[in-house]
């Protein structure tokens, strides 16, 4: 079965992350597929709204570390960066449904979504510092804008999870629902958008985001360059070794 399930109905295209045994962690192959699916949805006149979701117990555990070690994103053309640019430039409404853990890019991609709905079991975290690397997906720009500097610093410097209620309070999440009700609710919201005049929806999103697009692209490139460099340095190498050896990393001598 595919790692990404695709369902299209009534102008709403739903992409479901489908690696339950790996907590929906993303591989380079999945990033490439997501980038292509976003580009296809952008050009498909039958698709008016895109939905991204996981299961009722997990949204996305971030990068698949084993795949990440084998296929590090060490160039601007790496699949993850192609996905990020497709995400940032996507002109149609993008809705996320989040239940359970949303780790790393599982959280940072949400800052680019137009609507985010969460199950009451959702837990968000951006543990880049804990892995010896830096933020990505322009999160160093967007997280302070959405959450305020102090909360952004806490989330990004400590890398500790924050729950659905906190995400709602800071404006990352639009609404919280029971996990069993989330997918159906998201589909209803998608159908509402799909029924509206497409040009009006597209132009409204463009006007909302146009002023920030150059900044986002610049910050993604800046973060990506540093991210790739830091992957080869001792803290990240120690974090990766610790993962493979199933132990806590020791950064005290680095």
C-alpha atoms as a PDB file:
ATOM      1  CA  UNK A   1       0.000   0.000   0.000  1.00  0.00           C
ATOM      2  CA  UNK A   2       1.161   3.529  -0.752  1.00  0.00           C
ATOM      3  CA  UNK A   3       2.706   5.690   1.969  1.00  0.00           C
ATOM      4  CA  UNK A   4       0.403   8.499   0.820  1.00  0.00           C
ATOM      5  CA  UNK A   5      -3.256   7.791   0.140  1.00  0.00           C
ATOM      6  CA  UNK A   6      -5.128  10.036  -2.289  1.00  0.00           C
ATOM      7  CA  UNK A   7      -8.888  10.611  -2.261  1.00  0.00           C
ATOM      8  CA  UNK A   8     -10.739  13.137  -4.387  1.00  0.00           C
ATOM      9  CA  UNK A   9     -14.407  14.063  -4.056  1.00  0.00           C
ATOM     10  CA  UNK A  10     -16.385  17.193  -4.836  1.00  0.00           C
ATOM     11  CA  UNK A  11     -13.381  19.385  -5.517  1.00  0.00           C
ATOM     12  CA  UNK A  12     -11.572  18.320  -2.324  1.00  0.00           C
ATOM     13  CA  UNK A  13      -8.393  16.278  -2.700  1.00  0.00           C
ATOM     14  CA  UNK A  14      -7.261  14.579   0.508  1.00  0.00           C
ATOM     15  CA  UNK A  15      -3.708  13.342   1.047  1.00  0.00           C
ATOM     16  CA  UNK A  16      -3.380  10.928   3.965  1.00  0.00           C
ATOM     17  CA  UNK A  17       0.032  10.027   5.364  1.00  0.00           C
ATOM     18  CA  UNK A  18      -0.023   6.244   5.665  1.00  0.00           C
ATOM     19  CA  UNK A  19       3.029   4.789   7.416  1.00  0.00           C
ATOM     20  CA  UNK A  20       1.456   3.732  10.735  1.00  0.00           C
ATOM     21  CA  UNK A  21       4.378   1.462  11.651  1.00  0.00           C
ATOM     22  CA  UNK A  22       6.738   4.448  11.341  1.00  0.00           C
ATOM     23  CA  UNK A  23       4.352   7.015  12.869  1.00  0.00           C
ATOM     24  CA  UNK A  24       3.941   8.619   9.437  1.00  0.00           C
ATOM     25  CA  UNK A  25       7.558   9.783   9.385  1.00  0.00           C
ATOM     26  CA  UNK A  26       8.604  11.167   6.013  1.00  0.00           C
ATOM     27  CA  UNK A  27      11.221   9.731   3.659  1.00  0.00           C
ATOM     28  CA  UNK A  28      12.917  11.502   0.768  1.00  0.00           C
ATOM     29  CA  UNK A  29      10.673   9.490  -1.575  1.00  0.00           C
ATOM     30  CA  UNK A  30       7.579  10.752   0.242  1.00  0.00           C
ATOM     31  CA  UNK A  31       8.812  14.348   0.054  1.00  0.00           C
ATOM     32  CA  UNK A  32       9.263  13.958  -3.697  1.00  0.00           C
ATOM     33  CA  UNK A  33       5.774  12.484  -4.032  1.00  0.00           C
ATOM     34  CA  UNK A  34       4.219  15.232  -1.919  1.00  0.00           C
ATOM     35  CA  UNK A  35       5.949  17.908  -4.004  1.00  0.00           C
ATOM     36  CA  UNK A  36       4.574  16.340  -7.189  1.00  0.00           C
ATOM     37  CA  UNK A  37       1.081  15.966  -5.718  1.00  0.00           C
ATOM     38  CA  UNK A  38       1.007  19.628  -4.664  1.00  0.00           C
ATOM     39  CA  UNK A  39       2.112  20.706  -8.148  1.00  0.00           C
ATOM     40  CA  UNK A  40      -0.486  18.439  -9.778  1.00  0.00           C
ATOM     41  CA  UNK A  41      -3.220  19.759  -7.505  1.00  0.00           C
ATOM     42  CA  UNK A  42      -2.191  23.310  -8.332  1.00  0.00           C
ATOM     43  CA  UNK A  43      -2.740  22.705 -12.041  1.00  0.00           C
ATOM     44  CA  UNK A  44      -5.822  20.461 -11.798  1.00  0.00           C
ATOM     45  CA  UNK A  45      -9.026  22.428 -12.365  1.00  0.00           C
ATOM     46  CA  UNK A  46     -11.044  19.690 -10.653  1.00  0.00           C
ATOM     47  CA  UNK A  47      -9.196  20.275  -7.372  1.00  0.00           C
ATOM     48  CA  UNK A  48     -10.295  23.365  -5.492  1.00  0.00           C
ATOM     49  CA  UNK A  49      -9.107  22.459  -1.969  1.00  0.00           C
ATOM     50  CA  UNK A  50      -6.257  20.285  -0.683  1.00  0.00           C
ATOM     51  CA  UNK A  51      -6.388  18.456   2.666  1.00  0.00           C
ATOM     52  CA  UNK A  52      -3.390  16.932   4.436  1.00  0.00           C
ATOM     53  CA  UNK A  53      -3.965  14.520   7.313  1.00  0.00           C
ATOM     54  CA  UNK A  54      -2.631  11.495   9.177  1.00  0.00           C
ATOM     55  CA  UNK A  55      -4.501   8.986  11.315  1.00  0.00           C
ATOM     56  CA  UNK A  56      -6.537   9.446  14.498  1.00  0.00           C
ATOM     57  CA  UNK A  57      -3.431   8.653  16.577  1.00  0.00           C
ATOM     58  CA  UNK A  58      -0.540  10.282  14.722  1.00  0.00           C
ATOM     59  CA  UNK A  59      -0.129  13.066  12.190  1.00  0.00           C
ATOM     60  CA  UNK A  60       3.579  12.976  11.357  1.00  0.00           C
ATOM     61  CA  UNK A  61       6.671  12.067  13.393  1.00  0.00           C
ATOM     62  CA  UNK A  62       8.915  14.259  11.239  1.00  0.00           C
ATOM     63  CA  UNK A  63      11.760  12.867   9.189  1.00  0.00           C
ATOM     64  CA  UNK A  64      12.398   9.148   9.052  1.00  0.00           C
ATOM     65  CA  UNK A  65      15.803   9.283  10.741  1.00  0.00           C
ATOM     66  CA  UNK A  66      17.185   6.140   9.065  1.00  0.00           C
ATOM     67  CA  UNK A  67      16.228   7.458   5.627  1.00  0.00           C
ATOM     68  CA  UNK A  68      17.468  10.893   6.652  1.00  0.00           C
ATOM     69  CA  UNK A  69      20.914   9.457   7.433  1.00  0.00           C
ATOM     70  CA  UNK A  70      21.039   7.617   4.099  1.00  0.00           C
ATOM     71  CA  UNK A  71      19.614  10.506   2.041  1.00  0.00           C
ATOM     72  CA  UNK A  72      20.594  13.768   3.748  1.00  0.00           C
ATOM     73  CA  UNK A  73      19.147  16.955   2.192  1.00  0.00           C
ATOM     74  CA  UNK A  74      22.539  18.338   1.212  1.00  0.00           C
ATOM     75  CA  UNK A  75      21.511  20.366  -1.839  1.00  0.00           C
ATOM     76  CA  UNK A  76      18.809  22.913  -2.729  1.00  0.00           C
ATOM     77  CA  UNK A  77      17.337  20.303  -5.072  1.00  0.00           C
ATOM     78  CA  UNK A  78      16.776  17.743  -2.322  1.00  0.00           C
ATOM     79  CA  UNK A  79      13.180  16.414  -2.256  1.00  0.00           C
ATOM     80  CA  UNK A  80      12.389  18.086   1.075  1.00  0.00           C
ATOM     81  CA  UNK A  81      13.236  21.528  -0.320  1.00  0.00           C
ATOM     82  CA  UNK A  82      11.189  20.869  -3.456  1.00  0.00           C
ATOM     83  CA  UNK A  83       8.272  20.015  -1.190  1.00  0.00           C
ATOM     84  CA  UNK A  84       8.730  23.147   0.912  1.00  0.00           C
ATOM     85  CA  UNK A  85       8.709  25.404  -2.138  1.00  0.00           C
ATOM     86  CA  UNK A  86       5.622  23.639  -3.519  1.00  0.00           C
ATOM     87  CA  UNK A  87       3.971  24.095  -0.109  1.00  0.00           C
ATOM     88  CA  UNK A  88       4.812  27.798   0.160  1.00  0.00           C
ATOM     89  CA  UNK A  89       3.670  28.566  -3.377  1.00  0.00           C
ATOM     90  CA  UNK A  90       0.485  26.476  -3.323  1.00  0.00           C
ATOM     91  CA  UNK A  91      -2.261  28.912  -4.396  1.00  0.00           C
ATOM     92  CA  UNK A  92      -5.379  26.977  -3.371  1.00  0.00           C
ATOM     93  CA  UNK A  93      -6.807  26.498   0.127  1.00  0.00           C
ATOM     94  CA  UNK A  94      -4.782  24.022   2.181  1.00  0.00           C
ATOM     95  CA  UNK A  95      -6.349  22.426   5.264  1.00  0.00           C
ATOM     96  CA  UNK A  96      -4.535  20.238   7.783  1.00  0.00           C
ATOM     97  CA  UNK A  97      -6.163  17.747  10.147  1.00  0.00           C
ATOM     98  CA  UNK A  98      -3.818  16.891  13.026  1.00  0.00           C
ATOM     99  CA  UNK A  99      -4.224  14.129  15.585  1.00  0.00           C
ATOM    100  CA  UNK A 100      -1.496  12.823  17.862  1.00  0.00           C
ATOM    101  CA  UNK A 101       2.179  13.747  17.472  1.00  0.00           C
ATOM    102  CA  UNK A 102       3.241  16.369  14.932  1.00  0.00           C
ATOM    103  CA  UNK A 103       7.039  16.464  15.137  1.00  0.00           C
ATOM    104  CA  UNK A 104       9.533  18.672  13.309  1.00  0.00           C
ATOM    105  CA  UNK A 105       8.255  19.323   9.830  1.00  0.00           C
ATOM    106  CA  UNK A 106       4.995  17.765  11.009  1.00  0.00           C
ATOM    107  CA  UNK A 107       4.544  21.016  12.928  1.00  0.00           C
ATOM    108  CA  UNK A 108       6.417  23.536  10.776  1.00  0.00           C
ATOM    109  CA  UNK A 109       4.424  22.754   7.628  1.00  0.00           C
ATOM    110  CA  UNK A 110       1.255  23.721   9.526  1.00  0.00           C
ATOM    111  CA  UNK A 111       2.348  27.367   9.610  1.00  0.00           C
ATOM    112  CA  UNK A 112       1.858  27.393   5.825  1.00  0.00           C
ATOM    113  CA  UNK A 113      -1.653  25.927   5.930  1.00  0.00           C
ATOM    114  CA  UNK A 114      -4.709  28.147   5.652  1.00  0.00           C
ATOM    115  CA  UNK A 115      -6.785  26.221   8.173  1.00  0.00           C
ATOM    116  CA  UNK A 116      -5.542  23.803  10.840  1.00  0.00           C
ATOM    117  CA  UNK A 117      -7.886  21.615  12.873  1.00  0.00           C
ATOM    118  CA  UNK A 118      -6.577  19.437  15.686  1.00  0.00           C
ATOM    119  CA  UNK A 119      -7.734  16.465  17.667  1.00  0.00           C
ATOM    120  CA  UNK A 120      -7.627  16.936  21.427  1.00  0.00           C
ATOM    121  CA  UNK A 121      -4.772  14.399  21.448  1.00  0.00           C
ATOM    122  CA  UNK A 122      -2.532  16.523  19.207  1.00  0.00           C
ATOM    123  CA  UNK A 123       1.003  17.261  20.426  1.00  0.00           C
ATOM    124  CA  UNK A 124       3.269  19.635  18.510  1.00  0.00           C
ATOM    125  CA  UNK A 125       7.064  19.804  18.753  1.00  0.00           C
ATOM    126  CA  UNK A 126      10.015  21.271  16.871  1.00  0.00           C
ATOM    127  CA  UNK A 127      13.066  19.515  18.385  1.00  0.00           C
ATOM    128  CA  UNK A 128      15.671  20.718  15.882  1.00  0.00           C
ATOM    129  CA  UNK A 129      18.135  21.944  18.525  1.00  0.00           C
ATOM    130  CA  UNK A 130      17.952  18.536  20.213  1.00  0.00           C
ATOM    131  CA  UNK A 131      19.186  16.992  16.959  1.00  0.00           C
ATOM    132  CA  UNK A 132      22.061  19.428  16.531  1.00  0.00           C
ATOM    133  CA  UNK A 133      20.405  21.210  13.610  1.00  0.00           C
ATOM    134  CA  UNK A 134      18.398  24.385  13.017  1.00  0.00           C
ATOM    135  CA  UNK A 135      14.767  25.131  12.099  1.00  0.00           C
ATOM    136  CA  UNK A 136      13.432  24.630   8.584  1.00  0.00           C
ATOM    137  CA  UNK A 137      10.357  25.495   6.478  1.00  0.00           C
ATOM    138  CA  UNK A 138      10.839  29.200   7.340  1.00  0.00           C
ATOM    139  CA  UNK A 139       9.774  28.359  10.893  1.00  0.00           C
ATOM    140  CA  UNK A 140      12.380  30.729  12.324  1.00  0.00           C
ATOM    141  CA  UNK A 141      10.348  33.481  10.642  1.00  0.00           C
ATOM    142  CA  UNK A 142       6.785  32.190  11.024  1.00  0.00           C
ATOM    143  CA  UNK A 143       6.809  30.743  14.539  1.00  0.00           C
ATOM    144  CA  UNK A 144       7.631  34.094  16.240  1.00  0.00           C
ATOM    145  CA  UNK A 145       5.061  35.838  14.047  1.00  0.00           C
ATOM    146  CA  UNK A 146       2.294  33.435  15.050  1.00  0.00           C
ATOM    147  CA  UNK A 147       3.260  32.571  18.625  1.00  0.00           C
ATOM    148  CA  UNK A 148       5.188  35.640  19.776  1.00  0.00           C
ATOM    149  CA  UNK A 149       8.934  35.655  20.419  1.00  0.00           C
ATOM    150  CA  UNK A 150       9.013  34.200  23.952  1.00  0.00           C
ATOM    151  CA  UNK A 151       6.805  31.228  23.152  1.00  0.00           C
ATOM    152  CA  UNK A 152       8.637  30.690  19.865  1.00  0.00           C
ATOM    153  CA  UNK A 153      11.951  30.686  21.705  1.00  0.00           C
ATOM    154  CA  UNK A 154      10.602  28.149  24.176  1.00  0.00           C
ATOM    155  CA  UNK A 155       9.298  25.895  21.402  1.00  0.00           C
ATOM    156  CA  UNK A 156      12.398  26.128  19.208  1.00  0.00           C
ATOM    157  CA  UNK A 157      15.209  26.358  21.773  1.00  0.00           C
ATOM    158  CA  UNK A 158      13.905  23.730  24.201  1.00  0.00           C
ATOM    159  CA  UNK A 159      12.144  21.632  21.566  1.00  0.00           C
ATOM    160  CA  UNK A 160       9.520  20.509  24.060  1.00  0.00           C
ATOM    161  CA  UNK A 161       6.004  19.494  22.982  1.00  0.00           C
ATOM    162  CA  UNK A 162       3.003  21.759  23.389  1.00  0.00           C
ATOM    163  CA  UNK A 163      -0.522  20.457  23.278  1.00  0.00           C
ATOM    164  CA  UNK A 164      -3.615  21.292  21.244  1.00  0.00           C
ATOM    165  CA  UNK A 165      -4.986  23.834  23.735  1.00  0.00           C
ATOM    166  CA  UNK A 166      -1.725  25.794  23.642  1.00  0.00           C
ATOM    167  CA  UNK A 167      -1.698  25.652  19.839  1.00  0.00           C
ATOM    168  CA  UNK A 168      -5.247  27.009  19.807  1.00  0.00           C
ATOM    169  CA  UNK A 169      -4.329  29.776  22.241  1.00  0.00           C
ATOM    170  CA  UNK A 170      -1.453  31.061  20.083  1.00  0.00           C
ATOM    171  CA  UNK A 171      -3.388  30.821  16.826  1.00  0.00           C
ATOM    172  CA  UNK A 172      -1.701  27.870  15.143  1.00  0.00           C
ATOM    173  CA  UNK A 173      -4.924  25.846  15.361  1.00  0.00           C
ATOM    174  CA  UNK A 174      -8.413  27.020  14.381  1.00  0.00           C
ATOM    175  CA  UNK A 175     -10.442  24.506  16.377  1.00  0.00           C
ATOM    176  CA  UNK A 176     -10.060  21.380  18.525  1.00  0.00           C
ATOM    177  CA  UNK A 177     -12.276  18.321  18.133  1.00  0.00           C
ATOM    178  CA  UNK A 178     -12.372  14.708  19.320  1.00  0.00           C
ATOM    179  CA  UNK A 179     -10.035  12.653  17.100  1.00  0.00           C
ATOM    180  CA  UNK A 180     -12.908  10.439  15.946  1.00  0.00           C
ATOM    181  CA  UNK A 181     -14.735  13.492  14.566  1.00  0.00           C
ATOM    182  CA  UNK A 182     -11.809  15.348  13.010  1.00  0.00           C
ATOM    183  CA  UNK A 183     -11.633  13.853   9.522  1.00  0.00           C
ATOM    184  CA  UNK A 184     -15.337  14.250   8.855  1.00  0.00           C
ATOM    185  CA  UNK A 185     -15.244  17.834  10.124  1.00  0.00           C
ATOM    186  CA  UNK A 186     -12.251  18.668   7.921  1.00  0.00           C
ATOM    187  CA  UNK A 187     -14.059  17.277   4.902  1.00  0.00           C
ATOM    188  CA  UNK A 188     -17.061  19.480   5.652  1.00  0.00           C
ATOM    189  CA  UNK A 189     -14.830  22.527   5.906  1.00  0.00           C
ATOM    190  CA  UNK A 190     -13.161  21.588   2.632  1.00  0.00           C
ATOM    191  CA  UNK A 191     -16.549  21.197   0.956  1.00  0.00           C
ATOM    192  CA  UNK A 192     -17.560  24.668   2.159  1.00  0.00           C
ATOM    193  CA  UNK A 193     -14.490  26.170   0.526  1.00  0.00           C
ATOM    194  CA  UNK A 194     -14.894  24.122  -2.647  1.00  0.00           C
ATOM    195  CA  UNK A 195     -18.420  25.491  -3.060  1.00  0.00           C
ATOM    196  CA  UNK A 196     -17.261  29.116  -3.003  1.00  0.00           C
ATOM    197  CA  UNK A 197     -16.249  31.125  -6.122  1.00  0.00           C
ATOM    198  CA  UNK A 198     -12.787  29.787  -6.943  1.00  0.00           C
ATOM    199  CA  UNK A 199     -11.346  33.039  -8.235  1.00  0.00           C
ATOM    200  CA  UNK A 200     -12.476  34.884  -5.105  1.00  0.00           C
ATOM    201  CA  UNK A 201     -10.876  32.237  -2.889  1.00  0.00           C
ATOM    202  CA  UNK A 202      -7.618  32.215  -4.853  1.00  0.00           C
ATOM    203  CA  UNK A 203      -7.339  35.984  -4.968  1.00  0.00           C
ATOM    204  CA  UNK A 204      -8.074  36.302  -1.261  1.00  0.00           C
ATOM    205  CA  UNK A 205      -5.343  33.796  -0.386  1.00  0.00           C
ATOM    206  CA  UNK A 206      -2.931  35.535  -2.757  1.00  0.00           C
ATOM    207  CA  UNK A 207      -3.582  38.902  -1.134  1.00  0.00           C
ATOM    208  CA  UNK A 208      -3.214  37.421   2.336  1.00  0.00           C
ATOM    209  CA  UNK A 209       0.153  35.886   1.546  1.00  0.00           C
ATOM    210  CA  UNK A 210       1.713  37.895  -1.311  1.00  0.00           C
ATOM    211  CA  UNK A 211       3.610  40.353   0.872  1.00  0.00           C
ATOM    212  CA  UNK A 212       5.379  37.536   2.698  1.00  0.00           C
ATOM    213  CA  UNK A 213       6.198  35.134  -0.125  1.00  0.00           C
ATOM    214  CA  UNK A 214       9.650  36.598  -0.982  1.00  0.00           C
ATOM    215  CA  UNK A 215      10.593  36.547   2.711  1.00  0.00           C
ATOM    216  CA  UNK A 216       9.490  32.943   3.069  1.00  0.00           C
ATOM    217  CA  UNK A 217      11.466  31.795   0.042  1.00  0.00           C
ATOM    218  CA  UNK A 218      14.551  33.657   1.230  1.00  0.00           C
ATOM    219  CA  UNK A 219      14.277  32.234   4.748  1.00  0.00           C
ATOM    220  CA  UNK A 220      13.768  28.664   3.483  1.00  0.00           C
ATOM    221  CA  UNK A 221      16.946  29.009   1.412  1.00  0.00           C
ATOM    222  CA  UNK A 222      18.875  30.514   4.342  1.00  0.00           C
ATOM    223  CA  UNK A 223      17.710  27.852   6.775  1.00  0.00           C
ATOM    224  CA  UNK A 224      18.337  25.110   4.206  1.00  0.00           C
ATOM    225  CA  UNK A 225      21.928  26.182   3.649  1.00  0.00           C
ATOM    226  CA  UNK A 226      22.670  26.194   7.377  1.00  0.00           C
ATOM    227  CA  UNK A 227      20.652  22.995   7.951  1.00  0.00           C
ATOM    228  CA  UNK A 228      22.724  21.133   5.343  1.00  0.00           C
ATOM    229  CA  UNK A 229      25.981  22.453   6.810  1.00  0.00           C
ATOM    230  CA  UNK A 230      25.051  21.535  10.367  1.00  0.00           C
ATOM    231  CA  UNK A 231      24.219  17.961   9.342  1.00  0.00           C
ATOM    232  CA  UNK A 232      27.941  17.342   8.820  1.00  0.00           C
ATOM    233  CA  UNK A 233      29.045  18.850  12.143  1.00  0.00           C
ATOM    234  CA  UNK A 234      29.713  17.005  15.444  1.00  0.00           C
ATOM    235  CA  UNK A 235      26.414  17.743  17.296  1.00  0.00           C
ATOM    236  CA  UNK A 236      24.211  16.385  14.502  1.00  0.00           C
ATOM    237  CA  UNK A 237      26.520  13.427  13.941  1.00  0.00           C
ATOM    238  CA  UNK A 238      26.340  12.602  17.662  1.00  0.00           C
ATOM    239  CA  UNK A 239      22.545  12.871  17.599  1.00  0.00           C
ATOM    240  CA  UNK A 240      22.346  10.507  14.624  1.00  0.00           C
ATOM    241  CA  UNK A 241      24.756   8.025  16.217  1.00  0.00           C
ATOM    242  CA  UNK A 242      22.764   8.108  19.425  1.00  0.00           C
ATOM    243  CA  UNK A 243      19.571   7.352  17.492  1.00  0.00           C
ATOM    244  CA  UNK A 244      21.172   4.365  15.775  1.00  0.00           C
ATOM    245  CA  UNK A 245      22.626   3.121  19.078  1.00  0.00           C
ATOM    246  CA  UNK A 246      19.326   3.748  20.918  1.00  0.00           C
ATOM    247  CA  UNK A 247      20.828   5.981  23.587  1.00  0.00           C
ATOM    248  CA  UNK A 248      20.603   9.609  24.673  1.00  0.00           C
ATOM    249  CA  UNK A 249      23.004  11.914  22.813  1.00  0.00           C
ATOM    250  CA  UNK A 250      25.842  13.466  24.801  1.00  0.00           C
ATOM    251  CA  UNK A 251      26.657  16.999  23.674  1.00  0.00           C
ATOM    252  CA  UNK A 252      28.741  17.930  26.723  1.00  0.00           C
ATOM    253  CA  UNK A 253      32.106  17.275  25.031  1.00  0.00           C
ATOM    254  CA  UNK A 254      31.209  18.834  21.666  1.00  0.00           C
END
